[in-house]
Amino acid sequence: MTPFTQEQVIAAQRANVETLFGMTNKVFEGVEKLVELNMQAARTMLSEAADNTQAALQAKDAQELLALQASLLQPAADKAMAYSRHVYEITAGTNAELAKLTEAQFADLQGKAYAVVDTAVKNAPAGTENAVALVKSAMAAANNAFESVQKATKQAAEVAEANFQAVTSNAVKAVQPTAKSRRAA
């Protein structure tokens, strides 16, 4: 087998550094989106708290105060669910971007590994066919294992998303009757 040249090693290191910075940039983009979402949520909550406090101070009696409280329950639950959905979308999107980068990096490494094996096979001495077949089999098994993990990860993400949607829907439905009954009282 031919050893790697200095240029090949440098090129591989450059590619790894570029991948690392690409992944780091994706993570920072996700964090930036979360910070923006949190700042927007904090501004909105502060503004609404001021408005709700003013409305509560203007209530003439306990009945009016209870009605105000009941009228605020459903919108608060809806906003909490929307916030959770936004957080989930940001994290899922960042995860998907990282997965794309990882898959691309793996495909590149896999192609290079197959090229090294092909070069080794061409230069292999007679009588090493069994060893070559073993290496090829091991590479195929590793590739199949990676694909299985990749499929399982995608399925788990789909199940998590479905569960998140179900929990969100159930939470909103659970709050609606409570808010309606408080308004009726």
Protein backbone atom coordinates (compact mmCIF):
# COMPACT_ATOMS: atom_id res chain seq x y z
CA MET A 1 0.00 0.00 0.00
CA THR A 2 1.34 3.43 -0.88
CA PRO A 3 1.80 5.87 2.00
CA PHE A 4 0.00 9.18 1.93
CA THR A 5 1.90 12.14 0.62
CA GLN A 6 2.35 15.29 2.64
CA GLU A 7 -0.01 17.12 0.25
CA GLN A 8 -2.72 14.50 0.78
CA VAL A 9 -2.42 14.77 4.55
CA ILE A 10 -2.55 18.58 4.41
CA ALA A 11 -5.57 18.47 2.07
CA ALA A 12 -7.35 16.05 4.43
CA GLN A 13 -6.63 18.30 7.41
CA ARG A 14 -7.87 21.33 5.51
CA ALA A 15 -11.09 19.51 4.63
CA ASN A 16 -11.55 18.48 8.27
CA VAL A 17 -11.03 22.03 9.51
CA GLU A 18 -13.50 23.34 6.91
CA THR A 19 -16.05 20.76 8.02
CA LEU A 20 -15.49 21.65 11.67
CA PHE A 21 -16.00 25.35 10.99
CA GLY A 22 -19.03 24.59 8.82
CA MET A 23 -20.60 22.62 11.67
CA THR A 24 -19.65 25.30 14.19
CA ASN A 25 -21.29 27.95 12.00
CA LYS A 26 -24.50 25.90 11.80
CA VAL A 27 -24.56 25.52 15.58
CA PHE A 28 -24.02 29.26 16.05
CA GLU A 29 -26.79 30.01 13.55
CA GLY A 30 -29.13 27.82 15.61
CA VAL A 31 -28.07 29.48 18.86
CA GLU A 32 -28.52 32.90 17.26
CA LYS A 33 -32.07 31.97 16.21
CA LEU A 34 -32.82 30.77 19.74
CA VAL A 35 -31.47 33.98 21.25
CA GLU A 36 -33.59 36.04 18.83
CA LEU A 37 -36.66 33.98 19.69
CA ASN A 38 -36.01 34.37 23.43
CA MET A 39 -35.48 38.12 23.11
CA GLN A 40 -38.71 38.46 21.14
CA ALA A 41 -40.56 36.31 23.68
CA ALA A 42 -39.17 38.33 26.59
CA ARG A 43 -40.20 41.62 24.97
CA THR A 44 -43.68 40.32 24.27
CA MET A 45 -44.07 38.90 27.78
CA LEU A 46 -42.93 42.17 29.37
CA SER A 47 -45.33 44.20 27.26
CA GLU A 48 -48.22 41.82 27.93
CA ALA A 49 -47.44 41.75 31.66
CA ALA A 50 -47.65 45.53 31.76
CA ASP A 51 -50.95 45.51 29.86
CA ASN A 52 -52.39 42.72 32.01
CA THR A 53 -51.32 44.45 35.20
CA GLN A 54 -53.02 47.65 34.08
CA ALA A 55 -56.17 45.69 33.22
CA ALA A 56 -56.09 43.92 36.60
CA LEU A 57 -55.69 47.24 38.43
CA GLN A 58 -58.74 48.58 36.61
CA ALA A 59 -60.94 45.64 37.63
CA LYS A 60 -63.85 46.82 39.73
CA ASP A 61 -64.45 43.61 41.67
CA ALA A 62 -63.22 40.03 42.16
CA GLN A 63 -65.64 38.70 39.52
CA GLU A 64 -64.17 40.99 36.88
CA LEU A 65 -60.65 40.03 37.97
CA LEU A 66 -61.49 36.31 37.64
CA ALA A 67 -62.99 36.90 34.21
CA LEU A 68 -59.82 38.72 33.16
CA GLN A 69 -57.69 35.88 34.46
CA ALA A 70 -59.77 33.31 32.60
CA SER A 71 -59.58 35.31 29.39
CA LEU A 72 -55.77 35.32 29.61
CA LEU A 73 -55.35 31.59 30.20
CA GLN A 74 -55.97 30.30 26.65
CA PRO A 75 -53.82 32.93 24.87
CA ALA A 76 -50.99 32.21 27.33
CA ALA A 77 -51.21 28.48 26.63
CA ASP A 78 -51.29 29.11 22.88
CA LYS A 79 -48.22 31.34 23.12
CA ALA A 80 -46.36 28.76 25.21
CA MET A 81 -47.14 26.10 22.64
CA ALA A 82 -46.08 28.37 19.78
CA TYR A 83 -42.84 29.14 21.60
CA SER A 84 -42.17 25.42 22.14
CA ARG A 85 -42.91 24.75 18.48
CA HIS A 86 -40.44 27.47 17.41
CA VAL A 87 -37.74 26.08 19.69
CA TYR A 88 -38.35 22.61 18.31
CA GLU A 89 -38.24 23.84 14.71
CA ILE A 90 -34.96 25.67 15.30
CA THR A 91 -33.30 22.70 16.98
CA ALA A 92 -34.65 20.24 14.42
CA GLY A 93 -33.46 22.47 11.57
CA THR A 94 -30.00 22.81 13.10
CA ASN A 95 -29.87 19.06 13.64
CA ALA A 96 -30.85 18.45 10.01
CA GLU A 97 -28.10 20.79 8.78
CA LEU A 98 -25.54 19.04 10.96
CA ALA A 99 -26.76 15.67 9.71
CA LYS A 100 -26.30 16.82 6.09
CA LEU A 101 -22.75 17.93 6.82
CA THR A 102 -21.99 14.68 8.63
CA GLU A 103 -23.43 12.61 5.79
CA ALA A 104 -21.39 14.53 3.24
CA GLN A 105 -18.24 14.09 5.31
CA PHE A 106 -18.93 10.37 5.70
CA ALA A 107 -19.55 9.96 1.97
CA ASP A 108 -16.27 11.73 1.23
CA LEU A 109 -14.36 9.57 3.72
CA GLN A 110 -16.04 6.46 2.38
CA GLY A 111 -15.03 7.35 -1.18
CA LYS A 112 -11.44 7.93 -0.08
CA ALA A 113 -11.38 4.67 1.86
CA TYR A 114 -12.65 2.75 -1.17
CA ALA A 115 -9.99 4.45 -3.31
CA VAL A 116 -7.27 3.37 -0.86
CA VAL A 117 -8.61 -0.19 -0.85
CA ASP A 118 -8.78 -0.24 -4.66
CA THR A 119 -5.18 0.97 -4.85
CA ALA A 120 -4.14 -1.64 -2.32
CA VAL A 121 -5.97 -4.36 -4.24
CA LYS A 122 -4.22 -3.43 -7.46
CA ASN A 123 -0.84 -3.54 -5.73
CA ALA A 124 -1.56 -6.57 -3.55
CA PRO A 125 0.73 -9.54 -3.98
CA ALA A 126 -0.64 -12.83 -5.23
CA GLY A 127 -2.28 -14.96 -2.56
CA THR A 128 -3.84 -12.08 -0.60
CA GLU A 129 -7.26 -12.39 -2.20
CA ASN A 130 -8.81 -13.62 1.06
CA ALA A 131 -7.45 -10.64 2.99
CA VAL A 132 -8.70 -8.25 0.31
CA ALA A 133 -12.14 -9.88 0.38
CA LEU A 134 -12.16 -9.57 4.17
CA VAL A 135 -11.32 -5.86 4.01
CA LYS A 136 -14.01 -5.24 1.39
CA SER A 137 -16.53 -7.18 3.47
CA ALA A 138 -15.64 -5.20 6.57
CA MET A 139 -16.06 -1.92 4.70
CA ALA A 140 -19.42 -3.02 3.32
CA ALA A 141 -20.53 -4.04 6.83
CA ALA A 142 -19.42 -0.67 8.24
CA ASN A 143 -21.29 1.12 5.47
CA ASN A 144 -24.44 -0.92 6.14
CA ALA A 145 -24.15 -0.23 9.87
CA PHE A 146 -23.85 3.50 9.23
CA GLU A 147 -26.87 3.45 6.93
CA SER A 148 -28.87 1.51 9.54
CA VAL A 149 -27.96 4.01 12.25
CA GLN A 150 -28.82 6.84 9.90
CA LYS A 151 -32.25 5.34 9.13
CA ALA A 152 -32.92 4.67 12.82
CA THR A 153 -31.95 8.24 13.69
CA LYS A 154 -34.30 9.63 11.05
CA GLN A 155 -37.11 7.39 12.28
CA ALA A 156 -36.48 8.45 15.88
CA ALA A 157 -36.60 12.10 14.81
CA GLU A 158 -39.89 11.50 12.99
CA VAL A 159 -41.35 9.76 16.05
CA ALA A 160 -40.14 12.58 18.31
CA GLU A 161 -41.73 15.15 16.02
CA ALA A 162 -45.02 13.24 15.94
CA ASN A 163 -44.95 12.93 19.74
CA PHE A 164 -44.20 16.64 20.09
CA GLN A 165 -47.13 17.49 17.83
CA ALA A 166 -49.43 15.16 19.81
CA VAL A 167 -48.35 16.58 23.17
CA THR A 168 -48.79 20.13 21.89
CA SER A 169 -52.24 19.37 20.54
CA ASN A 170 -53.32 17.61 23.73
CA ALA A 171 -52.01 20.43 25.92
CA VAL A 172 -53.95 23.03 23.95
CA LYS A 173 -57.09 20.90 24.09
CA ALA A 174 -56.68 20.42 27.84
CA VAL A 175 -56.43 24.16 28.47
CA GLN A 176 -59.43 25.09 26.31
CA PRO A 177 -62.15 23.56 28.52
CA THR A 178 -60.54 25.01 31.64
CA ALA A 179 -60.45 28.49 30.13
CA LYS A 180 -64.04 28.18 28.92
CA SER A 181 -65.30 26.99 32.31
CA ARG A 182 -63.55 29.86 34.09
CA ARG A 183 -65.06 32.36 31.68
CA ALA A 184 -68.51 30.89 32.27
CA ALA A 185 -68.08 31.19 36.03
